[in-house]
N, C-alpha and C. Protein backbone atom coordinates (compact mmCIF):
# COMPACT_ATOMS: atom_id res chain seq x y z
N MET A 1 101.04 160.75 37.44
CA MET A 1 100.17 159.49 37.07
C MET A 1 100.62 158.85 35.72
N ALA A 2 100.67 157.51 35.72
CA ALA A 2 101.15 156.89 34.54
C ALA A 2 100.02 156.90 33.50
N LYS A 3 100.46 156.97 32.22
CA LYS A 3 99.54 157.16 31.06
C LYS A 3 98.46 155.91 31.06
N GLY A 4 98.86 154.72 31.25
CA GLY A 4 98.12 153.62 31.44
C GLY A 4 96.91 153.65 32.35
N ASN A 5 97.32 154.30 33.50
CA ASN A 5 96.32 154.43 34.63
C ASN A 5 95.27 155.40 34.13
N VAL A 6 95.76 156.46 33.43
CA VAL A 6 94.71 157.51 33.09
C VAL A 6 93.71 156.77 31.92
N ARG A 7 94.23 155.95 31.13
CA ARG A 7 93.51 155.29 30.12
C ARG A 7 92.46 154.41 30.73
N LYS A 8 92.99 153.57 31.78
CA LYS A 8 92.18 152.63 32.44
C LYS A 8 90.86 153.35 33.12
N LYS A 9 91.26 154.44 33.76
CA LYS A 9 90.17 155.26 34.51
C LYS A 9 89.29 155.75 33.49
N ALA A 10 89.69 156.26 32.32
CA ALA A 10 88.74 156.83 31.38
C ALA A 10 87.91 155.71 30.82
N LEU A 11 88.37 154.47 30.55
CA LEU A 11 87.69 153.39 30.09
C LEU A 11 86.52 152.98 30.99
N PHE A 12 86.97 152.92 32.29
CA PHE A 12 86.00 152.58 33.36
C PHE A 12 84.86 153.63 33.42
N ARG A 13 85.24 154.86 33.37
CA ARG A 13 84.20 155.93 33.37
C ARG A 13 83.15 155.83 32.27
N HIS A 14 83.74 155.50 31.02
CA HIS A 14 82.87 155.29 29.79
C HIS A 14 81.94 154.09 30.01
N ALA A 15 82.62 152.95 30.53
CA ALA A 15 81.81 151.72 30.70
C ALA A 15 80.67 152.03 31.73
N LYS A 16 80.97 152.66 32.88
CA LYS A 16 80.06 152.93 33.89
C LYS A 16 78.85 153.82 33.20
N ARG A 17 79.14 154.83 32.48
CA ARG A 17 78.11 155.63 31.89
C ARG A 17 77.21 154.70 31.05
N ARG A 18 77.85 153.83 30.19
CA ARG A 18 77.15 153.09 29.08
C ARG A 18 76.21 151.98 29.83
N ALA A 19 76.82 151.52 30.88
CA ALA A 19 75.97 150.44 31.84
C ALA A 19 74.75 151.02 32.33
N LYS A 20 74.86 152.22 32.74
CA LYS A 20 73.74 153.02 33.40
C LYS A 20 72.70 153.30 32.31
N VAL A 21 73.16 153.90 31.30
CA VAL A 21 72.18 154.23 30.16
C VAL A 21 71.50 153.10 29.45
N ARG A 22 72.38 152.02 29.14
CA ARG A 22 71.80 150.97 28.30
C ARG A 22 71.30 149.79 29.08
N TYR A 23 71.58 149.62 30.37
CA TYR A 23 71.04 148.61 31.06
C TYR A 23 70.58 148.94 32.51
N ASP A 24 70.59 150.15 32.83
CA ASP A 24 70.16 150.67 34.12
C ASP A 24 70.94 149.82 35.19
N LEU A 25 72.26 149.66 34.93
CA LEU A 25 73.01 149.06 35.89
C LEU A 25 74.10 150.07 36.43
N GLN A 26 74.08 150.09 37.84
CA GLN A 26 74.98 150.97 38.51
C GLN A 26 76.35 150.20 38.61
N LEU A 27 77.37 150.55 37.76
CA LEU A 27 78.60 149.78 37.71
C LEU A 27 79.65 150.38 38.69
N SER A 28 79.93 149.55 39.73
CA SER A 28 80.87 149.87 40.72
C SER A 28 82.19 149.11 40.34
N VAL A 29 83.20 149.42 41.00
CA VAL A 29 84.51 148.60 40.81
C VAL A 29 84.30 147.33 41.03
N ASP A 30 83.51 146.85 42.21
CA ASP A 30 83.26 145.41 42.43
C ASP A 30 82.43 144.83 41.33
N ASN A 31 81.50 145.45 40.90
CA ASN A 31 80.47 144.93 39.80
C ASN A 31 81.40 144.63 38.56
N HIS A 32 82.21 145.57 38.23
CA HIS A 32 83.13 145.51 37.02
C HIS A 32 84.05 144.24 37.27
N ASN A 33 84.71 144.22 38.37
CA ASN A 33 85.60 143.12 38.59
C ASN A 33 84.75 141.68 38.54
N GLU A 34 83.57 141.70 38.99
CA GLU A 34 82.79 140.37 38.96
C GLU A 34 82.45 140.03 37.36
N ILE A 35 82.15 141.02 36.63
CA ILE A 35 81.82 140.76 35.13
C ILE A 35 83.16 140.44 34.49
N VAL A 36 84.24 140.99 34.76
CA VAL A 36 85.57 140.58 34.22
C VAL A 36 85.95 139.23 34.52
N ARG A 37 85.59 138.83 35.81
CA ARG A 37 85.88 137.37 36.22
C ARG A 37 85.11 136.40 35.54
N LEU A 38 83.87 136.68 35.37
CA LEU A 38 82.97 135.94 34.56
C LEU A 38 83.48 135.69 33.17
N ILE A 39 84.00 136.62 32.44
CA ILE A 39 84.65 136.65 31.09
C ILE A 39 85.95 135.76 31.30
N GLN A 40 86.75 136.11 32.25
CA GLN A 40 87.95 135.25 32.32
C GLN A 40 87.70 133.83 32.51
N LEU A 41 86.61 133.47 33.17
CA LEU A 41 86.29 132.01 33.51
C LEU A 41 85.50 131.51 32.44
N GLN A 42 85.31 132.29 31.37
CA GLN A 42 84.36 131.95 30.25
C GLN A 42 83.03 131.44 30.62
N LYS A 43 82.49 132.05 31.54
CA LYS A 43 81.07 131.94 31.95
C LYS A 43 80.10 132.47 30.98
N GLY A 44 80.44 133.27 30.17
CA GLY A 44 79.47 133.92 29.09
C GLY A 44 79.74 133.22 27.74
N LYS A 45 79.28 133.76 26.78
CA LYS A 45 79.25 133.45 25.42
C LYS A 45 80.17 134.44 24.64
N CYS A 46 81.26 133.96 24.06
CA CYS A 46 82.12 134.87 23.27
C CYS A 46 81.37 134.99 21.92
N LEU A 47 81.11 136.28 21.52
CA LEU A 47 80.45 136.55 20.27
C LEU A 47 81.29 136.94 19.09
N GLY A 48 82.65 136.93 19.48
CA GLY A 48 83.67 137.19 18.36
C GLY A 48 84.74 138.14 18.87
N SER A 49 85.72 138.22 18.13
CA SER A 49 86.97 138.98 18.35
C SER A 49 86.91 140.25 17.41
N GLN A 50 87.24 141.37 17.99
CA GLN A 50 87.47 142.58 17.28
C GLN A 50 88.90 142.68 16.77
N SER A 51 89.80 142.14 17.75
CA SER A 51 91.25 142.14 17.36
C SER A 51 91.82 141.07 18.29
N ASN A 52 93.24 141.09 18.30
CA ASN A 52 93.89 140.13 19.23
C ASN A 52 93.56 140.35 20.70
N ARG A 53 93.24 141.60 21.04
CA ARG A 53 93.01 141.81 22.47
C ARG A 53 91.56 142.23 22.89
N VAL A 54 90.78 142.48 21.81
CA VAL A 54 89.31 142.99 22.18
C VAL A 54 88.38 142.01 21.70
N SER A 55 87.43 141.60 22.58
CA SER A 55 86.34 140.64 22.10
C SER A 55 85.09 141.10 22.63
N HIS A 56 83.95 140.50 22.00
CA HIS A 56 82.67 140.90 22.31
C HIS A 56 81.99 139.61 23.08
N TRP A 57 81.47 140.03 24.14
CA TRP A 57 80.75 138.92 25.08
C TRP A 57 79.40 139.08 25.34
N GLU A 58 78.65 137.87 25.68
CA GLU A 58 77.19 137.97 26.10
C GLU A 58 77.38 137.46 27.51
N ILE A 59 76.99 138.09 28.61
CA ILE A 59 77.14 137.78 29.93
C ILE A 59 75.88 137.84 30.65
N GLU A 60 75.50 136.85 31.41
CA GLU A 60 74.39 137.02 32.33
C GLU A 60 74.90 137.48 33.65
N TYR A 61 74.29 138.70 34.11
CA TYR A 61 74.71 139.28 35.46
C TYR A 61 73.53 139.92 36.01
N LYS A 62 73.18 139.41 37.24
CA LYS A 62 72.20 140.03 38.15
C LYS A 62 70.85 139.98 37.25
N GLY A 63 70.56 138.75 36.69
CA GLY A 63 69.28 138.58 36.00
C GLY A 63 69.24 139.41 34.69
N LYS A 64 70.29 139.96 34.10
CA LYS A 64 70.23 140.70 32.93
C LYS A 64 71.29 140.02 31.95
N ILE A 65 70.92 140.08 30.71
CA ILE A 65 71.84 139.66 29.63
C ILE A 65 72.53 140.86 29.10
N LEU A 66 73.85 141.05 29.30
CA LEU A 66 74.58 142.11 28.91
C LEU A 66 75.55 141.77 27.81
N HIS A 67 75.57 142.68 26.81
CA HIS A 67 76.64 142.54 25.66
C HIS A 67 77.62 143.58 26.01
N VAL A 68 78.93 142.98 26.24
CA VAL A 68 80.05 143.86 26.52
C VAL A 68 81.26 143.63 25.59
N VAL A 69 82.02 144.72 25.59
CA VAL A 69 83.32 144.65 24.85
C VAL A 69 84.31 144.61 25.94
N TYR A 70 85.30 143.59 25.79
CA TYR A 70 86.25 143.31 26.77
C TYR A 70 87.69 143.41 26.11
N ASP A 71 88.46 144.11 26.88
CA ASP A 71 89.91 144.18 26.47
C ASP A 71 90.73 143.29 27.45
N LYS A 72 91.42 142.24 26.84
CA LYS A 72 92.09 141.25 27.75
C LYS A 72 93.48 141.84 28.06
N LEU A 73 93.97 142.78 27.24
CA LEU A 73 95.28 143.34 27.86
C LEU A 73 95.14 144.20 29.11
N ARG A 74 94.03 144.99 29.01
CA ARG A 74 93.91 145.86 30.26
C ARG A 74 93.01 145.03 31.39
N LYS A 75 92.42 143.91 31.04
CA LYS A 75 91.61 143.15 31.87
C LYS A 75 90.39 143.95 32.29
N GLN A 76 89.71 144.62 31.37
CA GLN A 76 88.71 145.59 31.57
C GLN A 76 87.54 145.51 30.60
N VAL A 77 86.34 145.82 31.07
CA VAL A 77 85.23 145.98 30.16
C VAL A 77 85.41 147.35 29.61
N VAL A 78 85.35 147.44 28.29
CA VAL A 78 85.55 148.70 27.56
C VAL A 78 84.18 149.40 27.41
N THR A 79 83.09 148.79 27.01
CA THR A 79 81.90 149.40 26.97
C THR A 79 80.75 148.32 27.02
N PHE A 80 79.48 148.85 27.15
CA PHE A 80 78.28 147.98 27.11
C PHE A 80 77.53 148.35 25.86
N LEU A 81 77.26 147.32 25.07
CA LEU A 81 76.70 147.55 23.70
C LEU A 81 75.12 147.79 23.88
N PRO A 82 74.57 148.50 23.13
CA PRO A 82 73.11 148.80 23.22
C PRO A 82 72.28 147.45 23.19
N ARG A 83 71.09 147.52 23.79
CA ARG A 83 70.11 146.47 23.81
C ARG A 83 69.65 145.98 22.53
N GLN A 84 69.54 146.97 21.56
CA GLN A 84 69.01 146.52 20.15
C GLN A 84 69.89 145.64 19.43
N ASN A 85 71.18 145.66 19.77
CA ASN A 85 72.26 144.75 19.22
C ASN A 85 71.86 143.31 19.57
N GLN A 86 71.22 143.13 20.88
CA GLN A 86 70.82 141.88 21.26
C GLN A 86 69.71 141.30 20.34
N LEU A 87 68.69 142.27 20.23
CA LEU A 87 67.57 141.76 19.33
C LEU A 87 67.84 141.44 18.00
N GLU A 88 68.78 142.26 17.56
CA GLU A 88 69.14 141.94 15.97
C GLU A 88 69.71 140.56 15.76
N ARG A 89 70.38 140.10 16.81
CA ARG A 89 71.05 138.72 16.74
C ARG A 89 70.08 137.65 16.76
N SER A 90 68.90 137.87 17.53
CA SER A 90 67.93 136.84 17.62
C SER A 90 67.27 136.44 16.32
């Protein structure tokens, strides 16, 4: 198995766990792809860049406001940030 594939799978597992714990969201591959598509279409709010390839987004998905970290090189949500981060911004 290619090293990149292993990394992508590990990132997905991490994001899936964080989505469940932080937003009570069961993240499937289809859900993940829908969120990625919203980011790619700029349907959310970009909160800033962490680097040239990693950015923070606020996305509305299934009635919830999600704060996610997105890796544009891998076209993947890396993690879901905790809810308290949302409240601190307000």
